[in-house]
Amino acid sequence: MTTILLQPMGAVDVDLISFLHDELGSLFGAVEVRPEALIPEAARVPGRGQLAGGLVLSALPAPEGAEAVLGVIEEDLFVARTNDSIR
């Protein structure tokens, strides 16, 4: 059986987590919801009003005891050099 870990990053609507838990559970089997993880302050880019995606990804805990971990966040992310026309 595949186990998927749902990892809320920062404050995430509980209804969204519940929906994802139910939907992923019907597709993959076991789903576990982890406690909220903090978003690193270093990931915040004030001039853009966004979070640096790589730094958020680095803060995502490893999927110990599971096949995969899905980070869930309700903030806007960007990846450097993929949308340089937006400054």
PDB file of N, CA and C in Angstrom:
ATOM      1  N   MET A   1       0.844  -1.183   0.000  1.00  0.00           N
ATOM      2  CA  MET A   1       0.000   0.000   0.000  1.00  0.00           C
ATOM      3  C   MET A   1       0.887   1.243   0.000  1.00  0.00           C
ATOM      4  N   THR A   2       0.555   2.189  -0.817  1.00  0.00           N
ATOM      5  CA  THR A   2       1.286   3.443  -0.893  1.00  0.00           C
ATOM      6  C   THR A   2       0.830   4.372   0.222  1.00  0.00           C
ATOM      7  N   THR A   3       1.793   4.985   0.879  1.00  0.00           N
ATOM      8  CA  THR A   3       1.465   5.985   1.893  1.00  0.00           C
ATOM      9  C   THR A   3       1.908   7.351   1.397  1.00  0.00           C
ATOM     10  N   ILE A   4       0.999   8.296   1.423  1.00  0.00           N
ATOM     11  CA  ILE A   4       1.269   9.675   1.038  1.00  0.00           C
ATOM     12  C   ILE A   4       1.199  10.527   2.303  1.00  0.00           C
ATOM     13  N   LEU A   5       2.184  11.385   2.491  1.00  0.00           N
ATOM     14  CA  LEU A   5       2.162  12.323   3.607  1.00  0.00           C
ATOM     15  C   LEU A   5       1.743  13.692   3.093  1.00  0.00           C
ATOM     16  N   LEU A   6       0.768  14.296   3.723  1.00  0.00           N
ATOM     17  CA  LEU A   6       0.375  15.672   3.417  1.00  0.00           C
ATOM     18  C   LEU A   6       1.066  16.578   4.422  1.00  0.00           C
ATOM     19  N   GLN A   7       1.828  17.536   3.905  1.00  0.00           N
ATOM     20  CA  GLN A   7       2.584  18.433   4.769  1.00  0.00           C
ATOM     21  C   GLN A   7       2.127  19.865   4.567  1.00  0.00           C
ATOM     22  N   PRO A   8       1.258  20.382   5.455  1.00  0.00           N
ATOM     23  CA  PRO A   8       0.911  21.794   5.356  1.00  0.00           C
ATOM     24  C   PRO A   8       2.152  22.649   5.636  1.00  0.00           C
ATOM     25  N   MET A   9       2.385  23.627   4.783  1.00  0.00           N
ATOM     26  CA  MET A   9       3.493  24.568   4.946  1.00  0.00           C
ATOM     27  C   MET A   9       2.870  25.912   5.294  1.00  0.00           C
ATOM     28  N   GLY A  10       3.019  26.329   6.540  1.00  0.00           N
ATOM     29  CA  GLY A  10       2.342  27.532   6.996  1.00  0.00           C
ATOM     30  C   GLY A  10       0.871  27.224   7.234  1.00  0.00           C
ATOM     31  N   ALA A  11       0.082  28.270   7.415  1.00  0.00           N
ATOM     32  CA  ALA A  11      -1.352  28.095   7.670  1.00  0.00           C
ATOM     33  C   ALA A  11      -2.058  27.667   6.387  1.00  0.00           C
ATOM     34  N   VAL A  12      -2.727  26.527   6.447  1.00  0.00           N
ATOM     35  CA  VAL A  12      -3.468  26.001   5.300  1.00  0.00           C
ATOM     36  C   VAL A  12      -4.883  25.669   5.773  1.00  0.00           C
ATOM     37  N   ASP A  13      -5.861  26.033   4.976  1.00  0.00           N
ATOM     38  CA  ASP A  13      -7.268  25.793   5.293  1.00  0.00           C
ATOM     39  C   ASP A  13      -7.499  24.308   5.606  1.00  0.00           C
ATOM     40  N   VAL A  14      -8.111  24.028   6.749  1.00  0.00           N
ATOM     41  CA  VAL A  14      -8.349  22.638   7.156  1.00  0.00           C
ATOM     42  C   VAL A  14      -9.286  21.911   6.199  1.00  0.00           C
ATOM     43  N   ASP A  15     -10.200  22.633   5.560  1.00  0.00           N
ATOM     44  CA  ASP A  15     -11.093  22.000   4.589  1.00  0.00           C
ATOM     45  C   ASP A  15     -10.320  21.526   3.363  1.00  0.00           C
ATOM     46  N   LEU A  16      -9.317  22.285   2.949  1.00  0.00           N
ATOM     47  CA  LEU A  16      -8.476  21.872   1.825  1.00  0.00           C
ATOM     48  C   LEU A  16      -7.697  20.612   2.183  1.00  0.00           C
ATOM     49  N   ILE A  17      -7.113  20.586   3.368  1.00  0.00           N
ATOM     50  CA  ILE A  17      -6.362  19.407   3.806  1.00  0.00           C
ATOM     51  C   ILE A  17      -7.286  18.193   3.883  1.00  0.00           C
ATOM     52  N   SER A  18      -8.475  18.375   4.407  1.00  0.00           N
ATOM     53  CA  SER A  18      -9.445  17.284   4.503  1.00  0.00           C
ATOM     54  C   SER A  18      -9.826  16.760   3.121  1.00  0.00           C
ATOM     55  N   PHE A  19     -10.074  17.676   2.185  1.00  0.00           N
ATOM     56  CA  PHE A  19     -10.408  17.290   0.810  1.00  0.00           C
ATOM     57  C   PHE A  19      -9.269  16.491   0.181  1.00  0.00           C
ATOM     58  N   LEU A  20      -8.039  17.003   0.297  1.00  0.00           N
ATOM     59  CA  LEU A  20      -6.890  16.300  -0.275  1.00  0.00           C
ATOM     60  C   LEU A  20      -6.704  14.931   0.374  1.00  0.00           C
ATOM     61  N   HIS A  21      -6.883  14.864   1.681  1.00  0.00           N
ATOM     62  CA  HIS A  21      -6.772  13.595   2.401  1.00  0.00           C
ATOM     63  C   HIS A  21      -7.748  12.567   1.824  1.00  0.00           C
ATOM     64  N   ASP A  22      -8.996  12.966   1.658  1.00  0.00           N
ATOM     65  CA  ASP A  22     -10.019  12.050   1.160  1.00  0.00           C
ATOM     66  C   ASP A  22      -9.768  11.648  -0.289  1.00  0.00           C
ATOM     67  N   GLU A  23      -9.459  12.617  -1.138  1.00  0.00           N
ATOM     68  CA  GLU A  23      -9.247  12.329  -2.559  1.00  0.00           C
ATOM     69  C   GLU A  23      -8.008  11.467  -2.790  1.00  0.00           C
ATOM     70  N   LEU A  24      -6.908  11.837  -2.156  1.00  0.00           N
ATOM     71  CA  LEU A  24      -5.682  11.051  -2.319  1.00  0.00           C
ATOM     72  C   LEU A  24      -5.842   9.666  -1.707  1.00  0.00           C
ATOM     73  N   GLY A  25      -6.568   9.585  -0.608  1.00  0.00           N
ATOM     74  CA  GLY A  25      -6.817   8.292   0.018  1.00  0.00           C
ATOM     75  C   GLY A  25      -7.582   7.353  -0.893  1.00  0.00           C
ATOM     76  N   SER A  26      -8.543   7.881  -1.641  1.00  0.00           N
ATOM     77  CA  SER A  26      -9.323   7.035  -2.551  1.00  0.00           C
ATOM     78  C   SER A  26      -8.489   6.560  -3.739  1.00  0.00           C
ATOM     79  N   LEU A  27      -7.437   7.293  -4.071  1.00  0.00           N
ATOM     80  CA  LEU A  27      -6.572   6.915  -5.197  1.00  0.00           C
ATOM     81  C   LEU A  27      -5.378   6.066  -4.787  1.00  0.00           C
ATOM     82  N   PHE A  28      -4.756   6.412  -3.676  1.00  0.00           N
ATOM     83  CA  PHE A  28      -3.481   5.798  -3.312  1.00  0.00           C
ATOM     84  C   PHE A  28      -3.524   4.924  -2.068  1.00  0.00           C
ATOM     85  N   GLY A  29      -4.567   5.021  -1.280  1.00  0.00           N
ATOM     86  CA  GLY A  29      -4.620   4.246  -0.040  1.00  0.00           C
ATOM     87  C   GLY A  29      -4.360   5.127   1.164  1.00  0.00           C
ATOM     88  N   ALA A  30      -3.316   4.799   1.896  1.00  0.00           N
ATOM     89  CA  ALA A  30      -3.041   5.483   3.160  1.00  0.00           C
ATOM     90  C   ALA A  30      -2.535   6.905   2.951  1.00  0.00           C
ATOM     91  N   VAL A  31      -3.132   7.832   3.670  1.00  0.00           N
ATOM     92  CA  VAL A  31      -2.706   9.230   3.659  1.00  0.00           C
ATOM     93  C   VAL A  31      -2.585   9.681   5.111  1.00  0.00           C
ATOM     94  N   GLU A  32      -1.472  10.309   5.409  1.00  0.00           N
ATOM     95  CA  GLU A  32      -1.236  10.823   6.759  1.00  0.00           C
ATOM     96  C   GLU A  32      -1.018  12.327   6.668  1.00  0.00           C
ATOM     97  N   VAL A  33      -1.637  13.065   7.567  1.00  0.00           N
ATOM     98  CA  VAL A  33      -1.465  14.517   7.610  1.00  0.00           C
ATOM     99  C   VAL A  33      -0.471  14.845   8.711  1.00  0.00           C
ATOM    100  N   ARG A  34       0.583  15.538   8.329  1.00  0.00           N
ATOM    101  CA  ARG A  34       1.591  15.970   9.299  1.00  0.00           C
ATOM    102  C   ARG A  34       1.182  17.301   9.919  1.00  0.00           C
ATOM    103  N   PRO A  35       1.764  17.622  11.078  1.00  0.00           N
ATOM    104  CA  PRO A  35       1.530  18.949  11.664  1.00  0.00           C
ATOM    105  C   PRO A  35       2.113  20.045  10.764  1.00  0.00           C
ATOM    106  N   GLU A  36       1.563  21.225  10.873  1.00  0.00           N
ATOM    107  CA  GLU A  36       2.020  22.371  10.082  1.00  0.00           C
ATOM    108  C   GLU A  36       3.522  22.601  10.252  1.00  0.00           C
ATOM    109  N   ALA A  37       4.206  22.793   9.130  1.00  0.00           N
ATOM    110  CA  ALA A  37       5.631  23.152   9.145  1.00  0.00           C
ATOM    111  C   ALA A  37       5.747  24.651   8.895  1.00  0.00           C
ATOM    112  N   LEU A  38       6.727  25.255   9.501  1.00  0.00           N
ATOM    113  CA  LEU A  38       6.939  26.690   9.325  1.00  0.00           C
ATOM    114  C   LEU A  38       7.584  26.982   7.979  1.00  0.00           C
ATOM    115  N   ILE A  39       7.191  28.093   7.395  1.00  0.00           N
ATOM    116  CA  ILE A  39       7.820  28.567   6.165  1.00  0.00           C
ATOM    117  C   ILE A  39       9.052  29.358   6.579  1.00  0.00           C
ATOM    118  N   PRO A  40      10.220  29.037   6.018  1.00  0.00           N
ATOM    119  CA  PRO A  40      11.430  29.775   6.396  1.00  0.00           C
ATOM    120  C   PRO A  40      11.312  31.253   6.035  1.00  0.00           C
ATOM    121  N   GLU A  41      11.643  32.126   6.971  1.00  0.00           N
ATOM    122  CA  GLU A  41      11.596  33.567   6.702  1.00  0.00           C
ATOM    123  C   GLU A  41      12.513  33.939   5.542  1.00  0.00           C
ATOM    124  N   ALA A  42      13.614  33.215   5.385  1.00  0.00           N
ATOM    125  CA  ALA A  42      14.550  33.494   4.289  1.00  0.00           C
ATOM    126  C   ALA A  42      13.903  33.283   2.925  1.00  0.00           C
ATOM    127  N   ALA A  43      12.805  32.528   2.876  1.00  0.00           N
ATOM    128  CA  ALA A  43      12.125  32.272   1.603  1.00  0.00           C
ATOM    129  C   ALA A  43      11.284  33.464   1.148  1.00  0.00           C
ATOM    130  N   ARG A  44      10.993  34.377   2.044  1.00  0.00           N
ATOM    131  CA  ARG A  44      10.154  35.524   1.690  1.00  0.00           C
ATOM    132  C   ARG A  44      10.962  36.557   0.905  1.00  0.00           C
ATOM    133  N   VAL A  45      10.424  36.949  -0.247  1.00  0.00           N
ATOM    134  CA  VAL A  45      11.075  37.948  -1.092  1.00  0.00           C
ATOM    135  C   VAL A  45      10.135  39.151  -1.132  1.00  0.00           C
ATOM    136  N   PRO A  46      10.346  40.118  -0.218  1.00  0.00           N
ATOM    137  CA  PRO A  46       9.409  41.231  -0.074  1.00  0.00           C
ATOM    138  C   PRO A  46       9.163  42.016  -1.360  1.00  0.00           C
ATOM    139  N   GLY A  47      10.182  42.241  -2.160  1.00  0.00           N
ATOM    140  CA  GLY A  47      10.016  43.015  -3.386  1.00  0.00           C
ATOM    141  C   GLY A  47       9.083  42.359  -4.387  1.00  0.00           C
ATOM    142  N   ARG A  48       8.935  41.051  -4.285  1.00  0.00           N
ATOM    143  CA  ARG A  48       8.063  40.310  -5.191  1.00  0.00           C
ATOM    144  C   ARG A  48       6.731  39.957  -4.548  1.00  0.00           C
ATOM    145  N   GLY A  49       6.696  39.967  -3.212  1.00  0.00           N
ATOM    146  CA  GLY A  49       5.491  39.504  -2.532  1.00  0.00           C
ATOM    147  C   GLY A  49       5.276  38.014  -2.715  1.00  0.00           C
ATOM    148  N   GLN A  50       6.369  37.292  -2.912  1.00  0.00           N
ATOM    149  CA  GLN A  50       6.303  35.856  -3.154  1.00  0.00           C
ATOM    150  C   GLN A  50       7.327  35.139  -2.279  1.00  0.00           C
ATOM    151  N   LEU A  51       7.277  33.812  -2.354  1.00  0.00           N
ATOM    152  CA  LEU A  51       8.245  32.976  -1.662  1.00  0.00           C
ATOM    153  C   LEU A  51       9.152  32.307  -2.682  1.00  0.00           C
ATOM    154  N   ALA A  52      10.437  32.199  -2.342  1.00  0.00           N
ATOM    155  CA  ALA A  52      11.391  31.489  -3.198  1.00  0.00           C
ATOM    156  C   ALA A  52      11.097  29.995  -3.086  1.00  0.00           C
ATOM    157  N   GLY A  53      10.617  29.413  -4.172  1.00  0.00           N
ATOM    158  CA  GLY A  53      10.174  28.025  -4.169  1.00  0.00           C
ATOM    159  C   GLY A  53      11.231  27.032  -3.727  1.00  0.00           C
ATOM    160  N   GLY A  54      12.474  27.234  -4.150  1.00  0.00           N
ATOM    161  CA  GLY A  54      13.542  26.313  -3.776  1.00  0.00           C
ATOM    162  C   GLY A  54      13.775  26.265  -2.279  1.00  0.00           C
ATOM    163  N   LEU A  55      13.686  27.419  -1.620  1.00  0.00           N
ATOM    164  CA  LEU A  55      13.876  27.457  -0.170  1.00  0.00           C
ATOM    165  C   LEU A  55      12.707  26.803   0.568  1.00  0.00           C
ATOM    166  N   VAL A  56      11.515  26.957   0.035  1.00  0.00           N
ATOM    167  CA  VAL A  56      10.357  26.296   0.638  1.00  0.00           C
ATOM    168  C   VAL A  56      10.487  24.785   0.456  1.00  0.00           C
ATOM    169  N   LEU A  57      10.879  24.366  -0.736  1.00  0.00           N
ATOM    170  CA  LEU A  57      11.065  22.939  -1.005  1.00  0.00           C
ATOM    171  C   LEU A  57      12.127  22.337  -0.097  1.00  0.00           C
ATOM    172  N   SER A  58      13.192  23.073   0.140  1.00  0.00           N
ATOM    173  CA  SER A  58      14.259  22.595   1.031  1.00  0.00           C
ATOM    174  C   SER A  58      13.763  22.398   2.461  1.00  0.00           C
ATOM    175  N   ALA A  59      12.752  23.145   2.858  1.00  0.00           N
ATOM    176  CA  ALA A  59      12.210  23.042   4.215  1.00  0.00           C
ATOM    177  C   ALA A  59      11.189  21.914   4.349  1.00  0.00           C
ATOM    178  N   LEU A  60      10.818  21.317   3.228  1.00  0.00           N
ATOM    179  CA  LEU A  60       9.844  20.230   3.248  1.00  0.00           C
ATOM    180  C   LEU A  60      10.495  18.985   3.834  1.00  0.00           C
ATOM    181  N   PRO A  61       9.968  18.461   4.933  1.00  0.00           N
ATOM    182  CA  PRO A  61      10.584  17.285   5.558  1.00  0.00           C
ATOM    183  C   PRO A  61      10.564  16.069   4.630  1.00  0.00           C
ATOM    184  N   ALA A  62      11.555  15.213   4.772  1.00  0.00           N
ATOM    185  CA  ALA A  62      11.649  13.991   3.973  1.00  0.00           C
ATOM    186  C   ALA A  62      10.465  13.071   4.276  1.00  0.00           C
ATOM    187  N   PRO A  63      10.064  12.267   3.289  1.00  0.00           N
ATOM    188  CA  PRO A  63       8.917  11.375   3.478  1.00  0.00           C
ATOM    189  C   PRO A  63       9.281  10.088   4.223  1.00  0.00           C
ATOM    190  N   GLU A  64       9.799  10.215   5.430  1.00  0.00           N
ATOM    191  CA  GLU A  64      10.185   9.034   6.200  1.00  0.00           C
ATOM    192  C   GLU A  64       8.974   8.140   6.443  1.00  0.00           C
ATOM    193  N   GLY A  65       9.113   6.868   6.095  1.00  0.00           N
ATOM    194  CA  GLY A  65       8.040   5.905   6.305  1.00  0.00           C
ATOM    195  C   GLY A  65       6.911   6.008   5.305  1.00  0.00           C
ATOM    196  N   ALA A  66       7.119   6.721   4.214  1.00  0.00           N
ATOM    197  CA  ALA A  66       6.075   6.886   3.205  1.00  0.00           C
ATOM    198  C   ALA A  66       6.707   6.881   1.818  1.00  0.00           C
ATOM    199  N   GLU A  67       5.862   6.750   0.821  1.00  0.00           N
ATOM    200  CA  GLU A  67       6.321   6.763  -0.568  1.00  0.00           C
ATOM    201  C   GLU A  67       6.576   8.179  -1.064  1.00  0.00           C
ATOM    202  N   ALA A  68       5.783   9.121  -0.569  1.00  0.00           N
ATOM    203  CA  ALA A  68       5.889  10.493  -1.070  1.00  0.00           C
ATOM    204  C   ALA A  68       5.358  11.470  -0.030  1.00  0.00           C
ATOM    205  N   VAL A  69       5.795  12.702  -0.177  1.00  0.00           N
ATOM    206  CA  VAL A  69       5.266  13.782   0.650  1.00  0.00           C
ATOM    207  C   VAL A  69       4.771  14.872  -0.294  1.00  0.00           C
ATOM    208  N   LEU A  70       3.597  15.395   0.003  1.00  0.00           N
ATOM    209  CA  LEU A  70       3.013  16.470  -0.790  1.00  0.00           C
ATOM    210  C   LEU A  70       2.926  17.704   0.089  1.00  0.00           C
ATOM    211  N   GLY A  71       3.712  18.715  -0.258  1.00  0.00           N
ATOM    212  CA  GLY A  71       3.653  19.978   0.460  1.00  0.00           C
ATOM    213  C   GLY A  71       2.460  20.780  -0.022  1.00  0.00           C
ATOM    214  N   VAL A  72       1.715  21.333   0.914  1.00  0.00           N
ATOM    215  CA  VAL A  72       0.531  22.126   0.586  1.00  0.00           C
ATOM    216  C   VAL A  72       0.730  23.512   1.185  1.00  0.00           C
ATOM    217  N   ILE A  73       0.613  24.527   0.330  1.00  0.00           N
ATOM    218  CA  ILE A  73       0.877  25.899   0.758  1.00  0.00           C
ATOM    219  C   ILE A  73      -0.152  26.818   0.109  1.00  0.00           C
ATOM    220  N   GLU A  74      -0.505  27.885   0.798  1.00  0.00           N
ATOM    221  CA  GLU A  74      -1.481  28.829   0.266  1.00  0.00           C
ATOM    222  C   GLU A  74      -0.849  30.178  -0.040  1.00  0.00           C
ATOM    223  N   GLU A  75       0.425  30.177  -0.338  1.00  0.00           N
ATOM    224  CA  GLU A  75       1.120  31.409  -0.703  1.00  0.00           C
ATOM    225  C   GLU A  75       1.712  31.242  -2.094  1.00  0.00           C
ATOM    226  N   ASP A  76       2.034  32.368  -2.707  1.00  0.00           N
ATOM    227  CA  ASP A  76       2.561  32.383  -4.064  1.00  0.00           C
ATOM    228  C   ASP A  76       4.062  32.092  -4.054  1.00  0.00           C
ATOM    229  N   LEU A  77       4.483  31.123  -4.876  1.00  0.00           N
ATOM    230  CA  LEU A  77       5.894  30.748  -4.992  1.00  0.00           C
ATOM    231  C   LEU A  77       6.427  31.141  -6.363  1.00  0.00           C
ATOM    232  N   PHE A  78       7.732  31.290  -6.444  1.00  0.00           N
ATOM    233  CA  PHE A  78       8.378  31.457  -7.743  1.00  0.00           C
ATOM    234  C   PHE A  78       9.692  30.697  -7.713  1.00  0.00           C
ATOM    235  N   VAL A  79      10.173  30.366  -8.902  1.00  0.00           N
ATOM    236  CA  VAL A  79      11.477  29.718  -9.044  1.00  0.00           C
ATOM    237  C   VAL A  79      12.352  30.670  -9.843  1.00  0.00           C
ATOM    238  N   ALA A  80      13.492  31.030  -9.281  1.00  0.00           N
ATOM    239  CA  ALA A  80      14.405  31.980  -9.932  1.00  0.00           C
ATOM    240  C   ALA A  80      14.763  31.517 -11.337  1.00  0.00           C
ATOM    241  N   ARG A  81      14.859  32.473 -12.213  1.00  0.00           N
ATOM    242  CA  ARG A  81      15.271  32.304 -13.599  1.00  0.00           C
ATOM    243  C   ARG A  81      14.250  31.566 -14.476  1.00  0.00           C
ATOM    244  N   THR A  82      13.059  31.316 -13.954  1.00  0.00           N
ATOM    245  CA  THR A  82      12.033  30.714 -14.806  1.00  0.00           C
ATOM    246  C   THR A  82      11.017  31.746 -15.274  1.00  0.00           C
ATOM    247  N   ASN A  83      10.957  32.864 -14.567  1.00  0.00           N
ATOM    248  CA  ASN A  83      10.054  33.939 -14.983  1.00  0.00           C
ATOM    249  C   ASN A  83      10.731  35.282 -14.728  1.00  0.00           C
ATOM    250  N   ASP A  84      11.926  35.434 -15.298  1.00  0.00           N
ATOM    251  CA  ASP A  84      12.714  36.646 -15.080  1.00  0.00           C
ATOM    252  C   ASP A  84      12.053  37.909 -15.629  1.00  0.00           C
ATOM    253  N   SER A  85      11.103  37.754 -16.547  1.00  0.00           N
ATOM    254  CA  SER A  85      10.458  38.952 -17.084  1.00  0.00           C
ATOM    255  C   SER A  85       9.559  39.609 -16.037  1.00  0.00           C
ATOM    256  N   ILE A  86       9.245  38.865 -14.968  1.00  0.00           N
ATOM    257  CA  ILE A  86       8.438  39.413 -13.878  1.00  0.00           C
ATOM    258  C   ILE A  86       9.390  39.831 -12.776  1.00  0.00           C
ATOM    259  N   ARG A  87       9.422  41.098 -12.449  1.00  0.00           N
ATOM    260  CA  ARG A  87      10.364  41.562 -11.421  1.00  0.00           C
ATOM    261  C   ARG A  87       9.652  42.287 -10.319  1.00  0.00           C
TER     262      ARG A  87
END
